[in-house]
């Protein structure tokens, strides 16, 4: 059973100017997130033109004394990357994961360490509890073995517990670690040896600046990449309130399959998985259940998997041009939402009625504000503002 599959949104390509310094300077500039980057790029036609008009846009939005990210800062970031052998992958260009291209908030840039060819292979994400049980760890290993035999690369977040077990089991067959901090920063430190092994045999990626120590707000941003880069997300163990459930929610919004391993009702580590199953996620007992859900039942073809075609450096992406709102319209919706919300939770359907907006118009704004750490979701469809 497919669980709440959404409709992927493919950003319209703009002419591909490939100066990495300009791309880094735009995304590292204050108040420019992935969605804003793509809108500026589309509306202005190039990153260079977007940089030129950004101070004026900020001034019109009431931001005084706005300045772009200094060129020296991005040059320093490039130097740090060269020192650790990291590659910069630009949205829409060669090497960038094709699976992320249908996300409206796709990372404009990714730093990658290791075998970037893994990013062109089919992927399944395995996520779960940090304080995983021995049974959960054994289940993760068993799933990885079956998925690897079918040619699937295993994606996870390099956290302790289920994430670490999944990466360790997939070192020989292909694994991708998505990091919340800089790609050169190991977190948690107890996974330092594993992180080095992934960089040597697999691939580590991050959208964050080199050297950035992860903070709480960076993990939801990391989770959307974990789910977005994979065809399906499998939750092995998760508490009722956990980052794994946020990853599953991202997967739903992104149109990916969501699956879960059932657990004992008395085990708090299984509460999140059981909630997902109650709400319609695909039940997973073995890798065959995962493969059946993605249409690969009985097809163990690790040696014949065709890589996803790479986008030539100079070629624009093809595809339909979706209708887009201007930056001023997006800013206005964000302001309306934040003005309505406070520390006390408010039901999402009540917010829709208060603002007289459709659910479809409100959903992207809520996701963007949640990723920015400005609002929080709670059980029962409740929203609150984070000050």
Protein backbone atom coordinates (compact mmCIF):
# COMPACT_ATOMS: atom_id res chain seq x y z
CA UNK A 1 0.00 0.00 0.00
CA UNK A 2 1.41 3.36 -1.01
CA UNK A 3 1.31 5.78 1.89
CA UNK A 4 0.08 9.25 0.98
CA UNK A 5 2.15 9.74 -2.15
CA UNK A 6 2.39 13.39 -3.06
CA UNK A 7 3.06 15.09 -6.37
CA UNK A 8 6.73 15.90 -6.97
CA UNK A 9 7.43 19.49 -7.95
CA UNK A 10 10.20 19.95 -10.49
CA UNK A 11 11.90 23.36 -10.39
CA UNK A 12 12.06 24.99 -13.79
CA UNK A 13 15.62 25.14 -15.07
CA UNK A 14 17.30 28.45 -15.70
CA UNK A 15 20.32 28.95 -17.98
CA UNK A 16 23.16 27.04 -16.37
CA UNK A 17 25.97 29.40 -15.39
CA UNK A 18 28.55 27.24 -13.68
CA UNK A 19 30.87 29.54 -11.77
CA UNK A 20 31.02 27.73 -8.40
CA UNK A 21 32.13 30.85 -6.55
CA UNK A 22 29.00 32.70 -7.64
CA UNK A 23 26.74 29.79 -6.68
CA UNK A 24 28.35 29.54 -3.26
CA UNK A 25 28.17 33.29 -2.75
CA UNK A 26 24.44 33.38 -3.48
CA UNK A 27 23.43 30.43 -1.30
CA UNK A 28 25.70 31.58 1.55
CA UNK A 29 24.24 35.09 1.53
CA UNK A 30 22.00 36.06 4.42
CA UNK A 31 18.32 35.09 4.15
CA UNK A 32 18.88 33.03 1.00
CA UNK A 33 17.72 29.44 1.42
CA UNK A 34 17.31 26.79 -1.28
CA UNK A 35 13.80 27.86 -2.32
CA UNK A 36 14.84 31.52 -2.54
CA UNK A 37 17.95 30.58 -4.50
CA UNK A 38 15.90 28.75 -7.13
CA UNK A 39 13.37 31.56 -7.41
CA UNK A 40 16.07 34.18 -7.84
CA UNK A 41 17.88 32.02 -10.38
CA UNK A 42 14.69 31.46 -12.37
CA UNK A 43 13.46 35.04 -12.25
CA UNK A 44 16.82 36.68 -12.99
CA UNK A 45 18.11 34.13 -15.49
CA UNK A 46 21.53 33.62 -13.92
CA UNK A 47 23.24 33.46 -10.56
CA UNK A 48 25.31 36.53 -11.43
CA UNK A 49 22.18 38.60 -12.12
CA UNK A 50 20.53 37.26 -8.98
CA UNK A 51 23.48 38.46 -6.91
CA UNK A 52 23.24 41.88 -8.54
CA UNK A 53 19.59 42.43 -7.61
CA UNK A 54 19.56 40.72 -4.21
CA UNK A 55 20.47 43.85 -2.17
CA UNK A 56 17.64 45.78 -3.82
CA UNK A 57 15.16 42.96 -3.14
CA UNK A 58 16.25 42.85 0.49
CA UNK A 59 15.90 46.63 0.82
CA UNK A 60 12.39 46.49 -0.69
CA UNK A 61 11.52 43.83 1.92
CA UNK A 62 12.60 46.17 4.70
CA UNK A 63 16.04 44.70 5.38
CA UNK A 64 18.47 47.54 5.96
CA UNK A 65 22.23 47.45 5.30
CA UNK A 66 22.01 44.13 3.45
CA UNK A 67 25.28 42.79 2.11
CA UNK A 68 26.14 39.72 0.07
CA UNK A 69 28.33 36.94 1.40
CA UNK A 70 31.92 38.23 0.98
CA UNK A 71 33.86 36.64 -1.85
CA UNK A 72 36.73 35.90 0.55
CA UNK A 73 34.40 33.69 2.60
CA UNK A 74 33.48 31.43 -0.31
CA UNK A 75 37.09 31.31 -1.49
CA UNK A 76 38.06 30.11 1.98
CA UNK A 77 35.33 27.45 1.80
CA UNK A 78 36.70 26.27 -1.55
CA UNK A 79 40.19 26.05 -0.04
CA UNK A 80 38.92 23.96 2.87
CA UNK A 81 37.20 21.64 0.40
CA UNK A 82 40.37 21.16 -1.65
CA UNK A 83 42.25 20.28 1.52
CA UNK A 84 39.92 17.33 2.23
CA UNK A 85 39.28 16.31 -1.38
CA UNK A 86 35.62 17.35 -1.47
CA UNK A 87 33.85 17.99 -4.79
CA UNK A 88 31.22 20.66 -5.37
CA UNK A 89 28.07 19.47 -7.16
CA UNK A 90 25.81 22.15 -8.63
CA UNK A 91 22.08 21.74 -9.12
CA UNK A 92 21.36 20.72 -12.70
CA UNK A 93 24.95 19.93 -13.57
CA UNK A 94 27.05 16.82 -13.97
CA UNK A 95 27.22 14.62 -10.90
CA UNK A 96 24.32 16.20 -9.02
CA UNK A 97 21.83 13.51 -7.85
CA UNK A 98 18.98 13.34 -10.35
CA UNK A 99 16.66 12.13 -7.58
CA UNK A 100 16.80 15.55 -5.90
CA UNK A 101 15.89 17.48 -9.01
CA UNK A 102 12.13 17.27 -8.42
CA UNK A 103 12.33 19.01 -5.04
CA UNK A 104 11.29 22.68 -4.89
CA UNK A 105 13.83 23.15 -2.09
CA UNK A 106 16.59 21.04 -3.63
CA UNK A 107 20.04 22.01 -2.34
CA UNK A 108 21.58 24.36 -4.93
CA UNK A 109 25.03 23.00 -4.01
CA UNK A 110 26.29 19.79 -2.43
CA UNK A 111 29.75 19.00 -1.15
CA UNK A 112 30.69 15.37 -1.74
CA UNK A 113 33.51 13.21 -0.41
CA UNK A 114 34.15 9.78 -1.84
CA UNK A 115 32.62 7.89 -4.76
CA UNK A 116 30.18 10.33 -6.36
CA UNK A 117 29.12 7.69 -8.91
CA UNK A 118 27.00 6.16 -6.14
CA UNK A 119 24.74 9.22 -6.38
CA UNK A 120 23.63 8.04 -9.83
CA UNK A 121 22.46 4.63 -8.60
CA UNK A 122 19.01 3.73 -7.17
CA UNK A 123 18.80 4.36 -3.43
CA UNK A 124 16.75 3.30 -0.44
CA UNK A 125 16.93 5.23 2.83
CA UNK A 126 17.13 3.36 6.15
CA UNK A 127 16.58 5.45 9.27
CA UNK A 128 15.72 4.75 12.89
CA UNK A 129 16.38 5.12 16.56
CA UNK A 130 19.71 6.22 17.98
CA UNK A 131 19.19 4.01 21.03
CA UNK A 132 18.33 1.04 18.83
CA UNK A 133 17.65 -2.40 20.26
CA UNK A 134 19.76 -5.41 19.30
CA UNK A 135 16.78 -6.73 17.35
CA UNK A 136 16.49 -3.44 15.48
CA UNK A 137 20.19 -3.46 14.59
CA UNK A 138 19.94 -7.05 13.38
CA UNK A 139 16.91 -6.14 11.25
CA UNK A 140 18.80 -3.21 9.71
CA UNK A 141 21.70 -5.48 8.76
CA UNK A 142 19.34 -8.04 7.23
CA UNK A 143 17.53 -5.39 5.19
CA UNK A 144 20.79 -3.94 3.90
CA UNK A 145 21.96 -7.37 2.77
CA UNK A 146 18.82 -7.95 0.71
CA UNK A 147 18.72 -4.45 -0.73
CA UNK A 148 22.39 -4.63 -1.71
CA UNK A 149 21.79 -7.88 -3.59
CA UNK A 150 19.14 -6.02 -5.59
CA UNK A 151 21.57 -3.23 -6.50
CA UNK A 152 20.24 -0.60 -4.11
CA UNK A 153 22.54 1.94 -2.48
CA UNK A 154 21.67 2.49 1.20
CA UNK A 155 21.24 6.09 2.36
CA UNK A 156 21.18 7.29 5.96
CA UNK A 157 22.20 10.17 8.21
CA UNK A 158 25.41 8.89 9.88
CA UNK A 159 23.80 9.08 13.34
CA UNK A 160 24.37 6.47 16.02
CA UNK A 161 22.10 3.45 16.17
CA UNK A 162 20.19 2.32 13.07
CA UNK A 163 21.92 4.86 10.79
CA UNK A 164 25.40 3.67 11.75
CA UNK A 165 24.43 0.02 11.44
CA UNK A 166 23.00 0.57 7.96
CA UNK A 167 26.12 2.37 6.75
CA UNK A 168 28.43 -0.27 8.25
CA UNK A 169 26.52 -3.13 6.62
CA UNK A 170 26.52 -1.39 3.22
CA UNK A 171 30.18 -0.32 3.05
CA UNK A 172 31.08 -3.04 0.59
CA UNK A 173 28.05 -2.59 -1.66
CA UNK A 174 27.35 1.15 -1.64
CA UNK A 175 26.24 3.67 0.96
CA UNK A 176 25.65 7.43 1.05
CA UNK A 177 25.77 9.42 4.29
CA UNK A 178 23.93 12.75 4.35
CA UNK A 179 25.40 15.02 7.02
CA UNK A 180 23.78 17.82 9.00
CA UNK A 181 27.02 19.81 9.34
CA UNK A 182 29.88 20.36 6.96
CA UNK A 183 30.94 17.32 4.98
CA UNK A 184 34.33 17.52 6.71
CA UNK A 185 32.76 17.54 10.20
CA UNK A 186 32.08 14.22 11.92
CA UNK A 187 29.02 14.09 14.18
CA UNK A 188 28.72 12.28 16.49
CA UNK A 189 32.44 11.87 17.21
CA UNK A 190 31.93 8.21 18.12
CA UNK A 191 31.28 7.57 14.41
CA UNK A 192 34.64 9.00 13.31
CA UNK A 193 35.98 5.64 12.10
CA UNK A 194 32.73 4.87 10.30
CA UNK A 195 32.70 8.32 8.67
CA UNK A 196 36.25 7.75 7.39
CA UNK A 197 35.22 4.37 6.01
CA UNK A 198 32.19 5.86 4.24
CA UNK A 199 34.39 8.55 2.67
CA UNK A 200 36.83 5.84 1.48
CA UNK A 201 34.31 3.27 0.23
CA UNK A 202 31.03 5.14 -0.11
CA UNK A 203 30.07 8.81 -0.33
CA UNK A 204 29.41 11.59 2.20
CA UNK A 205 27.40 14.63 1.15
CA UNK A 206 26.23 17.89 2.72
CA UNK A 207 24.69 21.16 1.59
CA UNK A 208 26.23 23.04 4.53
CA UNK A 209 29.44 25.11 4.45
CA UNK A 210 32.72 23.34 5.05
CA UNK A 211 33.64 23.24 8.73
CA UNK A 212 30.10 23.93 10.01
CA UNK A 213 29.32 22.25 13.32
CA UNK A 214 25.73 20.95 13.16
CA UNK A 215 23.05 22.56 15.29
CA UNK A 216 19.49 21.42 16.00
CA UNK A 217 17.98 23.33 13.07
CA UNK A 218 20.30 21.61 10.58
CA UNK A 219 18.95 18.10 11.17
CA UNK A 220 15.48 18.67 9.63
CA UNK A 221 17.25 20.15 6.61
CA UNK A 222 19.48 17.07 6.43
CA UNK A 223 16.45 14.77 6.72
CA UNK A 224 14.75 16.19 3.63
CA UNK A 225 17.83 15.22 1.58
CA UNK A 226 17.90 11.71 3.07
CA UNK A 227 14.31 11.15 1.95
CA UNK A 228 14.53 13.14 -1.28
CA UNK A 229 17.55 11.33 -2.66
CA UNK A 230 15.93 7.90 -2.15
CA UNK A 231 13.04 6.17 -3.84
CA UNK A 232 11.71 4.96 -0.51
CA UNK A 233 12.28 5.49 3.22
CA UNK A 234 12.29 2.51 5.58
CA UNK A 235 11.93 3.29 9.30
CA UNK A 236 13.34 0.44 11.39
CA UNK A 237 12.78 1.80 14.90
CA UNK A 238 11.54 5.22 15.97
CA UNK A 239 9.94 6.85 18.98
CA UNK A 240 6.63 8.69 18.67
CA UNK A 241 8.49 12.01 18.47
CA UNK A 242 11.70 11.56 16.54
CA UNK A 243 13.72 12.80 13.60
CA UNK A 244 12.95 9.56 11.77
CA UNK A 245 9.26 10.48 11.68
CA UNK A 246 10.17 13.91 10.28
CA UNK A 247 12.11 12.10 7.55
CA UNK A 248 9.03 9.96 6.86
CA UNK A 249 6.86 13.10 6.68
CA UNK A 250 9.32 14.63 4.23
CA UNK A 251 9.12 11.47 2.14
CA UNK A 252 5.34 11.78 1.93
CA UNK A 253 5.59 15.41 0.84
CA UNK A 254 8.20 14.45 -1.74
CA UNK A 255 6.17 11.60 -3.23
CA UNK A 256 8.43 8.81 -1.94
CA UNK A 257 7.30 5.48 -0.51
CA UNK A 258 7.20 5.25 3.28
CA UNK A 259 7.68 1.85 4.94
CA UNK A 260 8.13 0.72 8.52
CA UNK A 261 9.20 -2.34 10.50
CA UNK A 262 6.57 -3.23 13.13
CA UNK A 263 7.52 -3.49 16.79
CA UNK A 264 6.14 -4.55 20.14
CA UNK A 265 3.43 -2.19 21.46
CA UNK A 266 5.20 -1.95 24.84
CA UNK A 267 8.52 -0.82 23.30
CA UNK A 268 8.71 2.99 23.04
CA UNK A 269 11.29 2.59 20.27
CA UNK A 270 8.61 1.00 18.10
CA UNK A 271 5.88 3.58 18.75
CA UNK A 272 6.72 5.71 15.73
CA UNK A 273 6.87 2.74 13.36
CA UNK A 274 3.56 1.41 14.63
CA UNK A 275 2.01 4.86 14.16
CA UNK A 276 3.21 4.94 10.56
CA UNK A 277 1.77 1.48 9.93
CA UNK A 278 -1.54 2.51 11.51
CA UNK A 279 -1.66 5.45 9.11
CA UNK A 280 -1.00 3.33 6.01
CA UNK A 281 2.76 2.86 5.63
CA UNK A 282 3.92 -0.36 3.97
CA UNK A 283 4.77 -3.06 6.49
CA UNK A 284 8.32 -4.39 6.14
CA UNK A 285 9.35 -7.88 7.27
CA UNK A 286 12.25 -8.33 4.86
CA UNK A 287 13.99 -6.70 1.91
CA UNK A 288 11.51 -8.45 -0.38
CA UNK A 289 8.71 -6.29 1.05
CA UNK A 290 10.71 -3.17 0.20
CA UNK A 291 11.53 -4.39 -3.30
CA UNK A 292 7.92 -5.38 -3.96
CA UNK A 293 6.73 -1.92 -2.93
CA UNK A 294 9.05 -0.26 -5.45
CA UNK A 295 8.24 -2.77 -8.22
CA UNK A 296 11.34 -4.97 -7.98
CA UNK A 297 9.96 -8.16 -6.40
CA UNK A 298 12.25 -11.08 -7.22
CA UNK A 299 14.67 -8.92 -9.22
CA UNK A 300 18.12 -9.11 -7.60
CA UNK A 301 20.18 -7.40 -10.28
CA UNK A 302 23.10 -5.66 -8.57
CA UNK A 303 25.35 -6.34 -11.55
CA UNK A 304 22.93 -4.98 -14.18
CA UNK A 305 21.61 -1.79 -12.62
CA UNK A 306 21.86 1.09 -15.07
CA UNK A 307 23.09 4.38 -13.59
CA UNK A 308 20.89 7.44 -13.80
CA UNK A 309 21.92 9.58 -16.74
CA UNK A 310 24.06 12.55 -15.82
CA UNK A 311 23.10 16.06 -16.88
CA UNK A 312 25.78 17.58 -19.14
CA UNK A 313 27.49 20.59 -17.62
CA UNK A 314 26.41 22.95 -20.37
CA UNK A 315 22.90 21.60 -21.04
CA UNK A 316 19.79 23.00 -19.35
CA UNK A 317 17.38 20.50 -17.88
CA UNK A 318 14.23 19.72 -19.77
CA UNK A 319 10.75 19.54 -18.33
CA UNK A 320 7.55 21.52 -17.85
CA UNK A 321 7.71 25.00 -16.41
CA UNK A 322 5.53 25.14 -13.29
CA UNK A 323 3.70 28.27 -12.23
CA UNK A 324 5.78 30.12 -9.64
CA UNK A 325 5.05 32.85 -7.16
CA UNK A 326 7.28 35.88 -6.84
CA UNK A 327 9.56 36.40 -3.85
CA UNK A 328 7.33 39.18 -2.59
CA UNK A 329 4.29 36.86 -2.63
CA UNK A 330 6.18 34.14 -0.75
CA UNK A 331 7.43 36.66 1.83
CA UNK A 332 3.88 37.94 2.34
CA UNK A 333 2.52 34.41 2.98
CA UNK A 334 5.34 33.66 5.42
CA UNK A 335 4.65 36.89 7.29
CA UNK A 336 0.92 36.12 7.50
CA UNK A 337 1.62 32.66 8.93
CA UNK A 338 4.12 33.91 11.51
CA UNK A 339 1.80 36.75 12.54
CA UNK A 340 -1.04 34.28 13.16
CA UNK A 341 1.00 31.67 15.07
CA UNK A 342 2.33 31.97 18.61
CA UNK A 343 3.80 29.71 21.30
CA UNK A 344 0.37 28.15 21.93
CA UNK A 345 -0.40 25.45 19.34
CA UNK A 346 -2.96 26.20 16.63
CA UNK A 347 -4.65 23.59 14.43
CA UNK A 348 -3.49 23.68 10.82
CA UNK A 349 -7.06 23.62 9.48
CA UNK A 350 -7.88 26.62 11.69
CA UNK A 351 -4.86 28.46 10.24
CA UNK A 352 -6.15 27.73 6.74
CA UNK A 353 -9.53 29.20 7.64
CA UNK A 354 -8.00 32.23 9.37
CA UNK A 355 -5.80 33.10 6.39
CA UNK A 356 -8.42 32.19 3.76
CA UNK A 357 -5.80 30.24 1.83
CA UNK A 358 -6.05 26.83 0.21
CA UNK A 359 -4.21 23.89 1.78
CA UNK A 360 -2.18 23.55 -1.43
CA UNK A 361 -1.04 27.18 -1.20
CA UNK A 362 -0.22 26.95 2.49
CA UNK A 363 1.64 23.61 2.54
CA UNK A 364 4.89 24.74 0.79
CA UNK A 365 5.14 27.79 3.05
CA UNK A 366 4.69 25.69 6.19
CA UNK A 367 7.37 23.24 5.05
CA UNK A 368 9.79 26.09 4.31
CA UNK A 369 9.20 27.71 7.70
CA UNK A 370 9.58 24.35 9.46
CA UNK A 371 12.89 23.69 7.71
CA UNK A 372 14.07 27.16 8.70
CA UNK A 373 13.26 26.35 12.33
CA UNK A 374 10.68 29.13 12.62
CA UNK A 375 7.63 26.94 13.31
CA UNK A 376 7.14 23.51 14.89
CA UNK A 377 4.63 20.77 14.18
CA UNK A 378 3.05 18.84 17.02
CA UNK A 379 0.83 15.79 17.25
CA UNK A 380 -2.73 16.22 16.03
CA UNK A 381 -1.89 18.65 13.23
CA UNK A 382 -0.97 21.48 15.60
CA UNK A 383 1.44 24.28 14.72
CA UNK A 384 3.31 26.75 16.90
CA UNK A 385 5.79 29.57 16.31
CA UNK A 386 9.40 29.31 17.51
CA UNK A 387 10.75 32.69 18.65
